[in-house]
Amino acid sequence: MSKHTIWIIDTSVFLNILDIPGYNQKRKSIISDFKIYIKNGDTFFLPYSALLETGNHIAQLNGNIKFVKAKEYVKQVKLALEDKAPFKPLKFPEKEDLFKWIDGFPEKAGKGIGFGDFSIIKDWEEQVKKYQGWSVKIWSLDRHLQGYHK
């Protein structure tokens, strides 16, 4: 029996899943991996920052594709909120949680890690504590988010 994995989905992967032009260069391999992970019974979490960043990328598209992709995005997010998508949204951090970890941001910023990715790392840390004994990974195409695995 194989051990299931919990995947924290980064913006770079979500953009490929949604097939957003200009951000979908790895779509074929992402979708292939996604199907394998789903078949394995893995769990997927979508951080709030990935929702924000994805929405921002969609809003910057040109022409009618912006509207089309925004509608698809809304559909997928609603399915996630209704527990009908393979991924589940993570909550926005509570004020108390943010106070606990915000002081660590300057160090990450000094390494070129933005606040969205910093918050994904914090989401990962929270899931590692919550799901002890599980394999918890960040699924990202961004080098600085790869290697977060427990």
N, C-alpha and C. Protein backbone atom coordinates (compact mmCIF):
# COMPACT_ATOMS: atom_id res chain seq x y z
N MET A 1 0.84 -1.18 0.00
CA MET A 1 0.00 0.00 0.00
C MET A 1 0.89 1.24 0.00
N SER A 2 0.67 2.13 -0.95
CA SER A 2 1.51 3.32 -1.03
C SER A 2 0.95 4.43 -0.15
N LYS A 3 1.84 5.26 0.30
CA LYS A 3 1.49 6.38 1.16
C LYS A 3 0.99 7.54 0.29
N HIS A 4 -0.14 8.11 0.66
CA HIS A 4 -0.69 9.23 -0.08
C HIS A 4 0.09 10.50 0.25
N THR A 5 0.09 11.43 -0.69
CA THR A 5 0.80 12.69 -0.53
C THR A 5 -0.20 13.83 -0.49
N ILE A 6 0.12 14.82 0.33
CA ILE A 6 -0.63 16.07 0.34
C ILE A 6 0.20 17.07 -0.45
N TRP A 7 -0.39 17.65 -1.47
CA TRP A 7 0.28 18.61 -2.34
C TRP A 7 -0.27 20.01 -2.09
N ILE A 8 0.61 20.96 -1.81
CA ILE A 8 0.24 22.38 -1.74
C ILE A 8 0.53 22.92 -3.15
N ILE A 9 -0.51 23.33 -3.87
CA ILE A 9 -0.37 23.74 -5.26
C ILE A 9 0.03 25.22 -5.35
N ASP A 10 1.16 25.47 -5.95
CA ASP A 10 1.66 26.83 -6.17
C ASP A 10 0.99 27.44 -7.40
N THR A 11 1.06 28.75 -7.48
CA THR A 11 0.52 29.50 -8.62
C THR A 11 1.03 28.96 -9.95
N SER A 12 2.32 28.65 -10.03
CA SER A 12 2.91 28.20 -11.30
C SER A 12 2.24 26.92 -11.80
N VAL A 13 1.84 26.06 -10.90
CA VAL A 13 1.16 24.82 -11.29
C VAL A 13 -0.31 25.09 -11.60
N PHE A 14 -0.97 25.91 -10.78
CA PHE A 14 -2.39 26.22 -10.99
C PHE A 14 -2.59 26.91 -12.34
N LEU A 15 -1.67 27.79 -12.72
CA LEU A 15 -1.75 28.46 -14.02
C LEU A 15 -1.70 27.46 -15.17
N ASN A 16 -0.90 26.42 -15.02
CA ASN A 16 -0.82 25.37 -16.04
C ASN A 16 -2.09 24.52 -16.05
N ILE A 17 -2.61 24.20 -14.88
CA ILE A 17 -3.85 23.42 -14.80
C ILE A 17 -4.97 24.17 -15.52
N LEU A 18 -5.05 25.49 -15.29
CA LEU A 18 -6.09 26.31 -15.91
C LEU A 18 -5.79 26.68 -17.36
N ASP A 19 -4.58 26.33 -17.83
CA ASP A 19 -4.17 26.61 -19.21
C ASP A 19 -4.19 28.11 -19.53
N ILE A 20 -3.54 28.89 -18.68
CA ILE A 20 -3.49 30.34 -18.85
C ILE A 20 -2.37 30.69 -19.83
N PRO A 21 -2.70 31.33 -20.96
CA PRO A 21 -1.69 31.67 -21.96
C PRO A 21 -0.52 32.46 -21.36
N GLY A 22 0.68 32.08 -21.78
CA GLY A 22 1.88 32.71 -21.29
C GLY A 22 2.42 32.08 -20.01
N TYR A 23 1.61 31.24 -19.38
CA TYR A 23 2.00 30.59 -18.12
C TYR A 23 1.72 29.09 -18.17
N ASN A 24 1.56 28.55 -19.36
CA ASN A 24 1.12 27.16 -19.52
C ASN A 24 2.14 26.30 -20.28
N GLN A 25 3.40 26.68 -20.24
CA GLN A 25 4.42 25.97 -21.02
C GLN A 25 4.64 24.53 -20.56
N LYS A 26 4.30 24.23 -19.32
CA LYS A 26 4.51 22.87 -18.79
C LYS A 26 3.18 22.12 -18.61
N ARG A 27 2.14 22.61 -19.27
CA ARG A 27 0.79 22.07 -19.07
C ARG A 27 0.72 20.56 -19.29
N LYS A 28 1.31 20.07 -20.35
CA LYS A 28 1.20 18.65 -20.67
C LYS A 28 1.77 17.79 -19.53
N SER A 29 2.93 18.13 -19.03
CA SER A 29 3.53 17.33 -17.95
C SER A 29 2.80 17.54 -16.62
N ILE A 30 2.32 18.76 -16.38
CA ILE A 30 1.56 19.03 -15.14
C ILE A 30 0.27 18.20 -15.13
N ILE A 31 -0.46 18.22 -16.23
CA ILE A 31 -1.73 17.47 -16.30
C ILE A 31 -1.45 15.97 -16.19
N SER A 32 -0.39 15.49 -16.82
CA SER A 32 -0.04 14.08 -16.72
C SER A 32 0.26 13.70 -15.27
N ASP A 33 1.08 14.51 -14.59
CA ASP A 33 1.39 14.25 -13.18
C ASP A 33 0.13 14.35 -12.32
N PHE A 34 -0.71 15.35 -12.59
CA PHE A 34 -1.94 15.57 -11.83
C PHE A 34 -2.83 14.32 -11.89
N LYS A 35 -2.97 13.75 -13.08
CA LYS A 35 -3.79 12.54 -13.25
C LYS A 35 -3.21 11.37 -12.45
N ILE A 36 -1.89 11.24 -12.45
CA ILE A 36 -1.24 10.17 -11.69
C ILE A 36 -1.47 10.38 -10.19
N TYR A 37 -1.29 11.61 -9.73
CA TYR A 37 -1.47 11.91 -8.30
C TYR A 37 -2.92 11.66 -7.87
N ILE A 38 -3.87 12.05 -8.72
CA ILE A 38 -5.28 11.81 -8.40
C ILE A 38 -5.54 10.31 -8.31
N LYS A 39 -5.01 9.55 -9.27
CA LYS A 39 -5.17 8.09 -9.27
C LYS A 39 -4.57 7.47 -8.01
N ASN A 40 -3.48 8.08 -7.52
CA ASN A 40 -2.83 7.59 -6.29
C ASN A 40 -3.62 7.91 -5.03
N GLY A 41 -4.66 8.74 -5.17
CA GLY A 41 -5.45 9.11 -4.01
C GLY A 41 -4.86 10.27 -3.22
N ASP A 42 -3.97 11.04 -3.85
CA ASP A 42 -3.34 12.17 -3.18
C ASP A 42 -4.35 13.29 -2.94
N THR A 43 -4.01 14.18 -2.03
CA THR A 43 -4.85 15.32 -1.67
C THR A 43 -4.16 16.60 -2.14
N PHE A 44 -4.95 17.58 -2.58
CA PHE A 44 -4.42 18.83 -3.12
C PHE A 44 -5.02 20.02 -2.38
N PHE A 45 -4.17 20.91 -1.93
CA PHE A 45 -4.61 22.14 -1.29
C PHE A 45 -4.18 23.33 -2.13
N LEU A 46 -5.06 24.28 -2.25
CA LEU A 46 -4.82 25.49 -3.02
C LEU A 46 -4.73 26.67 -2.06
N PRO A 47 -3.53 27.20 -1.85
CA PRO A 47 -3.38 28.32 -0.93
C PRO A 47 -4.07 29.58 -1.43
N TYR A 48 -4.51 30.38 -0.50
CA TYR A 48 -5.19 31.63 -0.82
C TYR A 48 -4.29 32.53 -1.70
N SER A 49 -2.98 32.55 -1.39
CA SER A 49 -2.09 33.40 -2.19
C SER A 49 -2.02 32.93 -3.65
N ALA A 50 -2.14 31.63 -3.89
CA ALA A 50 -2.15 31.12 -5.28
C ALA A 50 -3.42 31.57 -5.99
N LEU A 51 -4.54 31.62 -5.26
CA LEU A 51 -5.77 32.14 -5.84
C LEU A 51 -5.61 33.60 -6.23
N LEU A 52 -5.03 34.40 -5.34
CA LEU A 52 -4.83 35.83 -5.62
C LEU A 52 -3.89 36.03 -6.81
N GLU A 53 -2.75 35.36 -6.78
CA GLU A 53 -1.76 35.54 -7.84
C GLU A 53 -2.30 35.08 -9.19
N THR A 54 -3.03 33.97 -9.21
CA THR A 54 -3.60 33.46 -10.46
C THR A 54 -4.61 34.46 -11.02
N GLY A 55 -5.47 34.98 -10.15
CA GLY A 55 -6.43 36.00 -10.58
C GLY A 55 -5.74 37.22 -11.16
N ASN A 56 -4.64 37.63 -10.56
CA ASN A 56 -3.88 38.78 -11.07
C ASN A 56 -3.31 38.50 -12.46
N HIS A 57 -2.77 37.30 -12.65
CA HIS A 57 -2.23 36.94 -13.97
C HIS A 57 -3.33 36.92 -15.03
N ILE A 58 -4.48 36.41 -14.67
CA ILE A 58 -5.60 36.38 -15.62
C ILE A 58 -6.02 37.80 -15.99
N ALA A 59 -6.09 38.68 -15.01
CA ALA A 59 -6.51 40.06 -15.26
C ALA A 59 -5.54 40.81 -16.17
N GLN A 60 -4.32 40.33 -16.30
CA GLN A 60 -3.32 40.99 -17.13
C GLN A 60 -3.28 40.44 -18.56
N LEU A 61 -4.11 39.45 -18.86
CA LEU A 61 -4.17 38.92 -20.22
C LEU A 61 -4.76 39.97 -21.16
N ASN A 62 -4.53 39.79 -22.44
CA ASN A 62 -5.05 40.72 -23.45
C ASN A 62 -6.28 40.15 -24.13
N GLY A 63 -7.18 41.03 -24.51
CA GLY A 63 -8.32 40.66 -25.33
C GLY A 63 -9.38 39.86 -24.61
N ASN A 64 -10.22 39.18 -25.39
CA ASN A 64 -11.35 38.42 -24.88
C ASN A 64 -10.92 37.21 -24.05
N ILE A 65 -9.71 36.72 -24.28
CA ILE A 65 -9.25 35.56 -23.51
C ILE A 65 -9.25 35.85 -22.01
N LYS A 66 -9.07 37.12 -21.64
CA LYS A 66 -9.10 37.52 -20.23
C LYS A 66 -10.45 37.16 -19.62
N PHE A 67 -11.53 37.49 -20.30
CA PHE A 67 -12.88 37.20 -19.81
C PHE A 67 -13.13 35.69 -19.77
N VAL A 68 -12.74 35.00 -20.83
CA VAL A 68 -12.95 33.55 -20.93
C VAL A 68 -12.22 32.83 -19.79
N LYS A 69 -10.97 33.17 -19.58
CA LYS A 69 -10.17 32.51 -18.54
C LYS A 69 -10.65 32.92 -17.15
N ALA A 70 -11.12 34.13 -16.99
CA ALA A 70 -11.66 34.56 -15.69
C ALA A 70 -12.90 33.74 -15.34
N LYS A 71 -13.75 33.48 -16.34
CA LYS A 71 -14.94 32.66 -16.11
C LYS A 71 -14.55 31.23 -15.73
N GLU A 72 -13.55 30.68 -16.42
CA GLU A 72 -13.08 29.32 -16.09
C GLU A 72 -12.48 29.28 -14.68
N TYR A 73 -11.74 30.31 -14.34
CA TYR A 73 -11.12 30.43 -13.01
C TYR A 73 -12.22 30.43 -11.94
N VAL A 74 -13.24 31.26 -12.12
CA VAL A 74 -14.35 31.34 -11.16
C VAL A 74 -15.01 29.97 -11.02
N LYS A 75 -15.22 29.30 -12.13
CA LYS A 75 -15.85 27.97 -12.09
C LYS A 75 -15.02 27.00 -11.26
N GLN A 76 -13.71 26.97 -11.50
CA GLN A 76 -12.83 26.04 -10.78
C GLN A 76 -12.76 26.37 -9.29
N VAL A 77 -12.70 27.66 -8.96
CA VAL A 77 -12.64 28.05 -7.55
C VAL A 77 -13.94 27.68 -6.85
N LYS A 78 -15.07 27.91 -7.51
CA LYS A 78 -16.36 27.52 -6.92
C LYS A 78 -16.44 26.01 -6.71
N LEU A 79 -15.98 25.24 -7.69
CA LEU A 79 -15.96 23.78 -7.54
C LEU A 79 -15.11 23.37 -6.33
N ALA A 80 -13.98 24.04 -6.15
CA ALA A 80 -13.12 23.76 -5.00
C ALA A 80 -13.83 24.11 -3.69
N LEU A 81 -14.50 25.25 -3.67
CA LEU A 81 -15.22 25.67 -2.47
C LEU A 81 -16.38 24.72 -2.13
N GLU A 82 -16.95 24.11 -3.17
CA GLU A 82 -18.06 23.17 -2.99
C GLU A 82 -17.59 21.73 -2.80
N ASP A 83 -16.26 21.54 -2.72
CA ASP A 83 -15.67 20.21 -2.56
C ASP A 83 -15.94 19.30 -3.76
N LYS A 84 -16.00 19.90 -4.95
CA LYS A 84 -16.26 19.14 -6.17
C LYS A 84 -15.07 19.15 -7.12
N ALA A 85 -13.95 19.69 -6.69
CA ALA A 85 -12.72 19.73 -7.49
C ALA A 85 -11.68 18.84 -6.82
N PRO A 86 -10.64 18.48 -7.53
CA PRO A 86 -9.61 17.64 -6.90
C PRO A 86 -8.82 18.41 -5.82
N PHE A 87 -8.92 19.72 -5.83
CA PHE A 87 -8.18 20.52 -4.85
C PHE A 87 -9.15 21.25 -3.93
N LYS A 88 -8.64 21.54 -2.73
CA LYS A 88 -9.43 22.24 -1.73
C LYS A 88 -8.71 23.54 -1.37
N PRO A 89 -9.45 24.63 -1.25
CA PRO A 89 -8.79 25.89 -0.88
C PRO A 89 -8.38 25.90 0.59
N LEU A 90 -7.23 26.50 0.85
CA LEU A 90 -6.80 26.73 2.22
C LEU A 90 -7.29 28.09 2.66
N LYS A 91 -7.52 28.24 3.93
CA LYS A 91 -8.03 29.50 4.45
C LYS A 91 -6.94 30.58 4.44
N PHE A 92 -7.40 31.83 4.39
CA PHE A 92 -6.48 32.94 4.57
C PHE A 92 -6.01 32.91 6.02
N PRO A 93 -4.73 33.22 6.28
CA PRO A 93 -4.25 33.13 7.66
C PRO A 93 -5.01 34.07 8.60
N GLU A 94 -5.27 33.59 9.78
CA GLU A 94 -5.89 34.41 10.82
C GLU A 94 -4.89 35.46 11.30
N LYS A 95 -5.39 36.52 11.85
CA LYS A 95 -4.55 37.62 12.33
C LYS A 95 -3.46 37.10 13.28
N GLU A 96 -3.83 36.22 14.19
CA GLU A 96 -2.88 35.69 15.17
C GLU A 96 -1.77 34.88 14.49
N ASP A 97 -2.16 34.08 13.49
CA ASP A 97 -1.17 33.29 12.76
C ASP A 97 -0.19 34.20 12.01
N LEU A 98 -0.74 35.22 11.37
CA LEU A 98 0.09 36.17 10.62
C LEU A 98 1.09 36.86 11.54
N PHE A 99 0.64 37.25 12.72
CA PHE A 99 1.53 37.86 13.71
C PHE A 99 2.67 36.93 14.10
N LYS A 100 2.39 35.63 14.15
CA LYS A 100 3.40 34.65 14.56
C LYS A 100 4.53 34.53 13.55
N TRP A 101 4.20 34.65 12.25
CA TRP A 101 5.24 34.35 11.26
C TRP A 101 5.66 35.49 10.35
N ILE A 102 5.02 36.64 10.42
CA ILE A 102 5.33 37.74 9.50
C ILE A 102 6.77 38.26 9.65
N ASP A 103 7.30 38.18 10.87
CA ASP A 103 8.67 38.68 11.10
C ASP A 103 9.72 37.89 10.32
N GLY A 104 9.37 36.70 9.86
CA GLY A 104 10.31 35.92 9.06
C GLY A 104 10.39 36.34 7.60
N PHE A 105 9.49 37.24 7.19
CA PHE A 105 9.45 37.63 5.78
C PHE A 105 10.70 38.37 5.30
N PRO A 106 11.26 39.33 6.06
CA PRO A 106 12.43 40.05 5.54
C PRO A 106 13.59 39.12 5.12
N GLU A 107 13.80 38.05 5.88
CA GLU A 107 14.86 37.11 5.52
C GLU A 107 14.56 36.46 4.17
N LYS A 108 13.31 36.04 3.95
CA LYS A 108 12.93 35.43 2.68
C LYS A 108 12.99 36.46 1.54
N ALA A 109 12.53 37.67 1.82
CA ALA A 109 12.58 38.73 0.80
C ALA A 109 14.02 38.99 0.38
N GLY A 110 14.93 38.93 1.34
CA GLY A 110 16.35 39.10 1.04
C GLY A 110 16.88 38.04 0.09
N LYS A 111 16.20 36.91 0.05
CA LYS A 111 16.58 35.81 -0.85
C LYS A 111 15.76 35.83 -2.13
N GLY A 112 14.95 36.89 -2.32
CA GLY A 112 14.15 37.01 -3.54
C GLY A 112 12.82 36.28 -3.51
N ILE A 113 12.39 35.87 -2.33
CA ILE A 113 11.11 35.16 -2.20
C ILE A 113 10.05 36.17 -1.81
N GLY A 114 9.02 36.29 -2.66
CA GLY A 114 7.94 37.25 -2.42
C GLY A 114 7.00 36.79 -1.32
N PHE A 115 6.11 37.69 -0.93
CA PHE A 115 5.22 37.39 0.18
C PHE A 115 4.25 36.26 -0.14
N GLY A 116 3.79 36.16 -1.39
CA GLY A 116 2.90 35.07 -1.76
C GLY A 116 3.57 33.72 -1.56
N ASP A 117 4.78 33.58 -2.05
CA ASP A 117 5.52 32.32 -1.89
C ASP A 117 5.87 32.07 -0.43
N PHE A 118 6.21 33.14 0.29
CA PHE A 118 6.47 33.02 1.74
C PHE A 118 5.25 32.46 2.45
N SER A 119 4.06 32.95 2.09
CA SER A 119 2.86 32.46 2.75
C SER A 119 2.56 31.00 2.36
N ILE A 120 2.94 30.60 1.15
CA ILE A 120 2.79 29.19 0.75
C ILE A 120 3.70 28.30 1.60
N ILE A 121 4.90 28.78 1.88
CA ILE A 121 5.81 28.03 2.76
C ILE A 121 5.18 27.88 4.14
N LYS A 122 4.56 28.95 4.62
CA LYS A 122 3.89 28.89 5.93
C LYS A 122 2.70 27.94 5.89
N ASP A 123 1.96 27.93 4.78
CA ASP A 123 0.87 26.95 4.62
C ASP A 123 1.42 25.53 4.68
N TRP A 124 2.55 25.31 4.03
CA TRP A 124 3.19 24.00 4.04
C TRP A 124 3.56 23.60 5.47
N GLU A 125 4.19 24.53 6.20
CA GLU A 125 4.57 24.24 7.59
C GLU A 125 3.35 23.88 8.44
N GLU A 126 2.24 24.59 8.22
CA GLU A 126 1.01 24.31 8.97
C GLU A 126 0.46 22.92 8.65
N GLN A 127 0.49 22.54 7.37
CA GLN A 127 -0.01 21.24 6.97
C GLN A 127 0.89 20.11 7.47
N VAL A 128 2.21 20.36 7.53
CA VAL A 128 3.14 19.36 8.07
C VAL A 128 2.79 19.08 9.53
N LYS A 129 2.51 20.13 10.30
CA LYS A 129 2.13 19.94 11.71
C LYS A 129 0.78 19.23 11.83
N LYS A 130 -0.14 19.60 10.97
CA LYS A 130 -1.50 19.06 11.03
C LYS A 130 -1.56 17.60 10.59
N TYR A 131 -0.78 17.24 9.59
CA TYR A 131 -0.82 15.89 9.03
C TYR A 131 0.49 15.15 9.26
N GLN A 132 0.85 15.02 10.52
CA GLN A 132 2.08 14.29 10.86
C GLN A 132 1.96 12.85 10.39
N GLY A 133 3.02 12.35 9.84
CA GLY A 133 3.00 10.99 9.33
C GLY A 133 2.65 10.92 7.85
N TRP A 134 2.18 12.03 7.28
CA TRP A 134 1.87 12.10 5.86
C TRP A 134 3.05 12.73 5.12
N SER A 135 3.13 12.47 3.85
CA SER A 135 4.08 13.17 2.99
C SER A 135 3.41 14.47 2.54
N VAL A 136 4.01 15.60 2.85
CA VAL A 136 3.45 16.91 2.49
C VAL A 136 4.48 17.64 1.63
N LYS A 137 4.06 18.05 0.43
CA LYS A 137 4.99 18.68 -0.52
C LYS A 137 4.36 19.93 -1.12
N ILE A 138 5.23 20.87 -1.50
CA ILE A 138 4.80 22.01 -2.32
C ILE A 138 5.03 21.61 -3.76
N TRP A 139 3.99 21.73 -4.57
CA TRP A 139 4.09 21.42 -6.01
C TRP A 139 4.25 22.74 -6.73
N SER A 140 5.44 22.99 -7.21
CA SER A 140 5.77 24.27 -7.84
C SER A 140 6.78 24.09 -8.95
N LEU A 141 6.73 25.00 -9.90
CA LEU A 141 7.77 25.05 -10.93
C LEU A 141 8.87 26.02 -10.53
N ASP A 142 8.62 26.80 -9.48
CA ASP A 142 9.60 27.77 -8.99
C ASP A 142 10.66 27.06 -8.16
N ARG A 143 11.89 27.24 -8.54
CA ARG A 143 13.01 26.55 -7.90
C ARG A 143 13.03 26.76 -6.38
N HIS A 144 12.75 28.00 -5.94
CA HIS A 144 12.85 28.30 -4.50
C HIS A 144 11.73 27.66 -3.67
N LEU A 145 10.71 27.10 -4.32
CA LEU A 145 9.65 26.40 -3.60
C LEU A 145 9.77 24.88 -3.73
N GLN A 146 10.69 24.43 -4.54
CA GLN A 146 10.89 23.00 -4.68
C GLN A 146 11.74 22.52 -3.52
N GLY A 147 11.52 21.32 -3.11
CA GLY A 147 12.28 20.76 -2.00
C GLY A 147 11.56 20.87 -0.66
N TYR A 148 10.41 21.53 -0.65
CA TYR A 148 9.61 21.54 0.58
C TYR A 148 8.84 20.23 0.59
N HIS A 149 9.36 19.31 1.36
CA HIS A 149 8.87 17.94 1.38
C HIS A 149 9.08 17.37 2.77
N LYS A 150 8.05 16.79 3.30
CA LYS A 150 8.16 16.11 4.60
C LYS A 150 7.38 14.84 4.51
